Amino acid sequence: MNSNILAALIGGGLALAGLLVERLLRSFGRLWCAPWAWTLNPVAKTGRAKAAARGPEEETRYFSYPGKLDFFNGKVIPVGLRHVRIVFVCDDGVEVDTIPADALAGWRVEPGQAPYWDYPPALGLVHMINLPPRQWVIKELEGTVEDPEEVRLLHRWRRMEFVAERQFAVTPRIDST
């Protein structure tokens, strides 16, 4: 075999291996999520006479929870998180699963003007979060828990968890039936 052909094959193989290693190294990195300023606020039913006759569990109509999450994508590629949820873990491992809303949805800021409220078409629940590479993203989330059984459970909550699924690149499957 000619030495030029052998050198070309070795060089091509090394170039291909380099591309594969580079692609693998780009996917390394960590995602950080730091929650802060979270509160779980019970909202009481109306009426002072009812409040005096009942205990705190019976008096709570619903819970509201505002808070902030700081994200950092340490990867070189963007990352998308889907199926975003806030989970409260209560006594005996019972979980109360909620979908938060974006606290800042609908607020607009124009250059040189004060922030103003504009009725947003996308106001509502957070279903996904996009994290650009090597950047911080701060999300202000809020929500309520109104189901009476879940409200009863939340009086004994132990910890709050942010849960989401990382989006992987897949080829969409189209069924033609």
C-alpha atoms as a PDB file:
ATOM      1  CA  MET A   1       0.000   0.000   0.000  1.00  0.00           C
ATOM      2  CA  ASN A   2       1.233   3.428  -0.868  1.00  0.00           C
ATOM      3  CA  SER A   3       2.442   5.509   2.079  1.00  0.00           C
ATOM      4  CA  ASN A   4       0.433   8.526   0.863  1.00  0.00           C
ATOM      5  CA  ILE A   5      -2.800   6.543   0.967  1.00  0.00           C
ATOM      6  CA  LEU A   6      -1.969   5.193   4.404  1.00  0.00           C
ATOM      7  CA  ALA A   7      -1.182   8.687   5.689  1.00  0.00           C
ATOM      8  CA  ALA A   8      -4.489   9.990   4.254  1.00  0.00           C
ATOM      9  CA  LEU A   9      -6.455   7.185   5.931  1.00  0.00           C
ATOM     10  CA  ILE A  10      -4.752   7.768   9.290  1.00  0.00           C
ATOM     11  CA  GLY A  11      -5.256  11.542   9.007  1.00  0.00           C
ATOM     12  CA  GLY A  12      -8.925  11.127   8.080  1.00  0.00           C
ATOM     13  CA  GLY A  13      -9.477   8.694  10.948  1.00  0.00           C
ATOM     14  CA  LEU A  14      -7.843  11.059  13.434  1.00  0.00           C
ATOM     15  CA  ALA A  15      -9.910  13.989  12.140  1.00  0.00           C
ATOM     16  CA  LEU A  16     -13.109  11.969  12.531  1.00  0.00           C
ATOM     17  CA  ALA A  17     -12.086  10.884  16.036  1.00  0.00           C
ATOM     18  CA  GLY A  18     -11.327  14.520  16.898  1.00  0.00           C
ATOM     19  CA  LEU A  19     -14.789  15.592  15.774  1.00  0.00           C
ATOM     20  CA  LEU A  20     -16.446  12.906  17.865  1.00  0.00           C
ATOM     21  CA  VAL A  21     -14.387  13.768  20.956  1.00  0.00           C
ATOM     22  CA  GLU A  22     -15.116  17.488  20.473  1.00  0.00           C
ATOM     23  CA  ARG A  23     -18.843  16.780  20.258  1.00  0.00           C
ATOM     24  CA  LEU A  24     -18.718  14.699  23.442  1.00  0.00           C
ATOM     25  CA  LEU A  25     -16.765  17.384  25.300  1.00  0.00           C
ATOM     26  CA  ARG A  26     -19.355  20.018  24.300  1.00  0.00           C
ATOM     27  CA  SER A  27     -22.072  18.064  26.083  1.00  0.00           C
ATOM     28  CA  PHE A  28     -20.088  17.918  29.340  1.00  0.00           C
ATOM     29  CA  GLY A  29     -20.771  20.590  31.894  1.00  0.00           C
ATOM     30  CA  ARG A  30     -23.259  21.009  34.651  1.00  0.00           C
ATOM     31  CA  LEU A  31     -26.623  22.594  35.127  1.00  0.00           C
ATOM     32  CA  TRP A  32     -27.015  24.483  38.379  1.00  0.00           C
ATOM     33  CA  CYS A  33     -30.318  25.387  39.977  1.00  0.00           C
ATOM     34  CA  ALA A  34     -30.348  27.467  43.157  1.00  0.00           C
ATOM     35  CA  PRO A  35     -33.764  28.214  44.715  1.00  0.00           C
ATOM     36  CA  TRP A  36     -34.111  31.274  46.910  1.00  0.00           C
ATOM     37  CA  ALA A  37     -36.782  33.518  48.448  1.00  0.00           C
ATOM     38  CA  TRP A  38     -39.388  30.723  48.514  1.00  0.00           C
ATOM     39  CA  THR A  39     -42.339  31.007  50.860  1.00  0.00           C
ATOM     40  CA  LEU A  40     -45.443  28.902  51.298  1.00  0.00           C
ATOM     41  CA  ASN A  41     -48.265  31.211  52.347  1.00  0.00           C
ATOM     42  CA  PRO A  42     -51.560  29.884  53.726  1.00  0.00           C
ATOM     43  CA  VAL A  43     -54.572  31.983  52.710  1.00  0.00           C
ATOM     44  CA  ALA A  44     -57.349  31.850  55.301  1.00  0.00           C
ATOM     45  CA  LYS A  45     -61.060  31.599  54.721  1.00  0.00           C
ATOM     46  CA  THR A  46     -63.030  34.757  55.418  1.00  0.00           C
ATOM     47  CA  GLY A  47     -64.835  35.511  58.650  1.00  0.00           C
ATOM     48  CA  ARG A  48     -63.353  36.061  62.125  1.00  0.00           C
ATOM     49  CA  ALA A  49     -65.960  33.910  63.887  1.00  0.00           C
ATOM     50  CA  LYS A  50     -65.069  30.927  61.694  1.00  0.00           C
ATOM     51  CA  ALA A  51     -61.338  31.470  62.285  1.00  0.00           C
ATOM     52  CA  ALA A  52     -61.753  31.385  66.067  1.00  0.00           C
ATOM     53  CA  ALA A  53     -63.772  28.153  65.969  1.00  0.00           C
ATOM     54  CA  ARG A  54     -61.416  26.221  63.656  1.00  0.00           C
ATOM     55  CA  GLY A  55     -57.786  25.168  63.742  1.00  0.00           C
ATOM     56  CA  PRO A  56     -55.182  26.330  61.202  1.00  0.00           C
ATOM     57  CA  GLU A  57     -55.716  23.302  58.934  1.00  0.00           C
ATOM     58  CA  GLU A  58     -59.453  23.815  58.762  1.00  0.00           C
ATOM     59  CA  GLU A  59     -59.105  27.564  58.302  1.00  0.00           C
ATOM     60  CA  THR A  60     -56.739  27.450  55.290  1.00  0.00           C
ATOM     61  CA  ARG A  61     -58.537  27.870  51.969  1.00  0.00           C
ATOM     62  CA  TYR A  62     -55.454  27.528  49.745  1.00  0.00           C
ATOM     63  CA  PHE A  63     -51.682  27.989  49.693  1.00  0.00           C
ATOM     64  CA  SER A  64     -49.766  30.362  47.465  1.00  0.00           C
ATOM     65  CA  TYR A  65     -46.059  30.017  46.804  1.00  0.00           C
ATOM     66  CA  PRO A  66     -43.817  32.668  45.229  1.00  0.00           C
ATOM     67  CA  GLY A  67     -40.086  32.163  44.727  1.00  0.00           C
ATOM     68  CA  LYS A  68     -37.068  32.508  42.492  1.00  0.00           C
ATOM     69  CA  LEU A  69     -34.773  30.026  40.789  1.00  0.00           C
ATOM     70  CA  ASP A  70     -31.271  30.844  39.551  1.00  0.00           C
ATOM     71  CA  PHE A  71     -30.108  28.610  36.704  1.00  0.00           C
ATOM     72  CA  PHE A  72     -26.643  28.337  35.186  1.00  0.00           C
ATOM     73  CA  ASN A  73     -25.941  26.239  32.113  1.00  0.00           C
ATOM     74  CA  GLY A  74     -22.258  25.268  32.260  1.00  0.00           C
ATOM     75  CA  LYS A  75     -22.481  23.474  28.937  1.00  0.00           C
ATOM     76  CA  VAL A  76     -21.404  24.918  25.600  1.00  0.00           C
ATOM     77  CA  ILE A  77     -24.723  23.973  24.034  1.00  0.00           C
ATOM     78  CA  PRO A  78     -28.198  25.299  24.924  1.00  0.00           C
ATOM     79  CA  VAL A  79     -30.375  23.138  27.152  1.00  0.00           C
ATOM     80  CA  GLY A  80     -34.155  23.009  27.283  1.00  0.00           C
ATOM     81  CA  LEU A  81     -36.097  21.844  30.335  1.00  0.00           C
ATOM     82  CA  ARG A  82     -39.646  20.551  29.814  1.00  0.00           C
ATOM     83  CA  HIS A  83     -42.506  19.502  32.095  1.00  0.00           C
ATOM     84  CA  VAL A  84     -41.504  22.021  34.776  1.00  0.00           C
ATOM     85  CA  ARG A  85     -43.029  21.307  38.191  1.00  0.00           C
ATOM     86  CA  ILE A  86     -42.684  22.341  41.808  1.00  0.00           C
ATOM     87  CA  VAL A  87     -43.061  19.367  44.145  1.00  0.00           C
ATOM     88  CA  PHE A  88     -43.656  19.718  47.874  1.00  0.00           C
ATOM     89  CA  VAL A  89     -42.625  16.611  49.811  1.00  0.00           C
ATOM     90  CA  CYS A  90     -44.740  16.158  52.927  1.00  0.00           C
ATOM     91  CA  ASP A  91     -44.705  13.737  55.856  1.00  0.00           C
ATOM     92  CA  ASP A  92     -44.334  10.042  54.976  1.00  0.00           C
ATOM     93  CA  GLY A  93     -42.960  10.985  51.528  1.00  0.00           C
ATOM     94  CA  VAL A  94     -46.328  12.131  50.165  1.00  0.00           C
ATOM     95  CA  GLU A  95     -45.793  14.549  47.256  1.00  0.00           C
ATOM     96  CA  VAL A  96     -47.920  17.506  46.199  1.00  0.00           C
ATOM     97  CA  ASP A  97     -47.149  18.181  42.536  1.00  0.00           C
ATOM     98  CA  THR A  98     -47.860  21.633  41.025  1.00  0.00           C
ATOM     99  CA  ILE A  99     -47.146  23.457  37.767  1.00  0.00           C
ATOM    100  CA  PRO A 100     -45.877  26.990  38.479  1.00  0.00           C
ATOM    101  CA  ALA A 101     -46.701  30.186  36.610  1.00  0.00           C
ATOM    102  CA  ASP A 102     -44.205  32.811  35.467  1.00  0.00           C
ATOM    103  CA  ALA A 103     -44.503  35.736  37.899  1.00  0.00           C
ATOM    104  CA  LEU A 104     -43.182  38.216  35.333  1.00  0.00           C
ATOM    105  CA  ALA A 105     -45.371  37.164  32.400  1.00  0.00           C
ATOM    106  CA  GLY A 106     -47.180  40.169  31.003  1.00  0.00           C
ATOM    107  CA  TRP A 107     -44.823  42.857  32.255  1.00  0.00           C
ATOM    108  CA  ARG A 108     -43.251  44.852  29.424  1.00  0.00           C
ATOM    109  CA  VAL A 109     -40.337  47.277  29.571  1.00  0.00           C
ATOM    110  CA  GLU A 110     -39.811  49.750  26.736  1.00  0.00           C
ATOM    111  CA  PRO A 111     -36.607  51.792  26.558  1.00  0.00           C
ATOM    112  CA  GLY A 112     -37.023  55.017  28.519  1.00  0.00           C
ATOM    113  CA  GLN A 113     -40.359  53.989  30.084  1.00  0.00           C
ATOM    114  CA  ALA A 114     -41.437  52.483  33.364  1.00  0.00           C
ATOM    115  CA  PRO A 115     -42.533  48.825  33.305  1.00  0.00           C
ATOM    116  CA  TYR A 116     -46.198  48.394  32.446  1.00  0.00           C
ATOM    117  CA  TRP A 117     -48.692  45.543  32.390  1.00  0.00           C
ATOM    118  CA  ASP A 118     -49.745  44.323  28.980  1.00  0.00           C
ATOM    119  CA  TYR A 119     -52.242  41.481  28.819  1.00  0.00           C
ATOM    120  CA  PRO A 120     -50.053  38.684  27.486  1.00  0.00           C
ATOM    121  CA  PRO A 121     -51.285  35.998  25.151  1.00  0.00           C
ATOM    122  CA  ALA A 122     -48.958  33.501  26.844  1.00  0.00           C
ATOM    123  CA  LEU A 123     -49.795  34.352  30.454  1.00  0.00           C
ATOM    124  CA  GLY A 124     -49.959  31.219  32.462  1.00  0.00           C
ATOM    125  CA  LEU A 125     -48.139  28.096  33.381  1.00  0.00           C
ATOM    126  CA  VAL A 126     -44.463  27.470  32.773  1.00  0.00           C
ATOM    127  CA  HIS A 127     -44.118  24.351  30.645  1.00  0.00           C
ATOM    128  CA  MET A 128     -40.503  24.803  29.543  1.00  0.00           C
ATOM    129  CA  ILE A 129     -37.376  26.796  30.324  1.00  0.00           C
ATOM    130  CA  ASN A 130     -34.623  27.426  27.778  1.00  0.00           C
ATOM    131  CA  LEU A 131     -31.121  27.846  29.192  1.00  0.00           C
ATOM    132  CA  PRO A 132     -28.560  29.502  26.906  1.00  0.00           C
ATOM    133  CA  PRO A 133     -24.961  28.241  27.152  1.00  0.00           C
ATOM    134  CA  ARG A 134     -22.695  29.682  29.842  1.00  0.00           C
ATOM    135  CA  GLN A 135     -25.270  32.185  31.096  1.00  0.00           C
ATOM    136  CA  TRP A 136     -27.333  32.794  34.219  1.00  0.00           C
ATOM    137  CA  VAL A 137     -31.135  32.782  33.948  1.00  0.00           C
ATOM    138  CA  ILE A 138     -33.336  33.933  36.831  1.00  0.00           C
ATOM    139  CA  LYS A 139     -36.966  32.767  36.836  1.00  0.00           C
ATOM    140  CA  GLU A 140     -39.567  34.135  39.211  1.00  0.00           C
ATOM    141  CA  LEU A 141     -42.265  31.526  39.678  1.00  0.00           C
ATOM    142  CA  GLU A 142     -45.508  31.484  41.604  1.00  0.00           C
ATOM    143  CA  GLY A 143     -48.481  29.236  42.033  1.00  0.00           C
ATOM    144  CA  THR A 144     -51.351  28.118  44.190  1.00  0.00           C
ATOM    145  CA  VAL A 145     -52.537  24.831  45.642  1.00  0.00           C
ATOM    146  CA  GLU A 146     -56.318  24.795  46.018  1.00  0.00           C
ATOM    147  CA  ASP A 147     -57.290  21.118  46.278  1.00  0.00           C
ATOM    148  CA  PRO A 148     -58.593  20.576  49.862  1.00  0.00           C
ATOM    149  CA  GLU A 149     -56.711  17.293  50.312  1.00  0.00           C
ATOM    150  CA  GLU A 150     -53.433  18.813  49.080  1.00  0.00           C
ATOM    151  CA  VAL A 151     -53.971  21.875  51.292  1.00  0.00           C
ATOM    152  CA  ARG A 152     -54.344  19.559  54.284  1.00  0.00           C
ATOM    153  CA  LEU A 153     -51.107  17.764  53.345  1.00  0.00           C
ATOM    154  CA  LEU A 154     -49.146  21.001  52.873  1.00  0.00           C
ATOM    155  CA  HIS A 155     -49.511  21.853  56.548  1.00  0.00           C
ATOM    156  CA  ARG A 156     -46.839  19.186  57.101  1.00  0.00           C
ATOM    157  CA  TRP A 157     -44.482  19.798  54.173  1.00  0.00           C
ATOM    158  CA  ARG A 158     -40.777  19.132  54.653  1.00  0.00           C
ATOM    159  CA  ARG A 159     -39.045  20.284  51.457  1.00  0.00           C
ATOM    160  CA  MET A 160     -39.658  21.792  48.058  1.00  0.00           C
ATOM    161  CA  GLU A 161     -38.133  20.368  44.854  1.00  0.00           C
ATOM    162  CA  PHE A 162     -37.813  21.787  41.358  1.00  0.00           C
ATOM    163  CA  VAL A 163     -38.445  18.988  38.855  1.00  0.00           C
ATOM    164  CA  ALA A 164     -38.026  19.136  35.066  1.00  0.00           C
ATOM    165  CA  GLU A 165     -37.008  16.883  32.196  1.00  0.00           C
ATOM    166  CA  ARG A 166     -34.061  17.722  29.993  1.00  0.00           C
ATOM    167  CA  GLN A 167     -34.958  17.915  26.314  1.00  0.00           C
ATOM    168  CA  PHE A 168     -32.841  15.706  24.105  1.00  0.00           C
ATOM    169  CA  ALA A 169     -32.547  16.171  20.379  1.00  0.00           C
ATOM    170  CA  VAL A 170     -34.605  13.502  18.676  1.00  0.00           C
ATOM    171  CA  THR A 171     -35.920  13.089  15.197  1.00  0.00           C
ATOM    172  CA  PRO A 172     -39.690  13.587  15.147  1.00  0.00           C
ATOM    173  CA  ARG A 173     -41.662  10.524  14.178  1.00  0.00           C
ATOM    174  CA  ILE A 174     -44.497  11.123  11.783  1.00  0.00           C
ATOM    175  CA  ASP A 175     -47.115   8.441  11.402  1.00  0.00           C
ATOM    176  CA  SER A 176     -48.924   8.437   8.095  1.00  0.00           C
ATOM    177  CA  THR A 177     -52.134   6.543   8.591  1.00  0.00           C
END
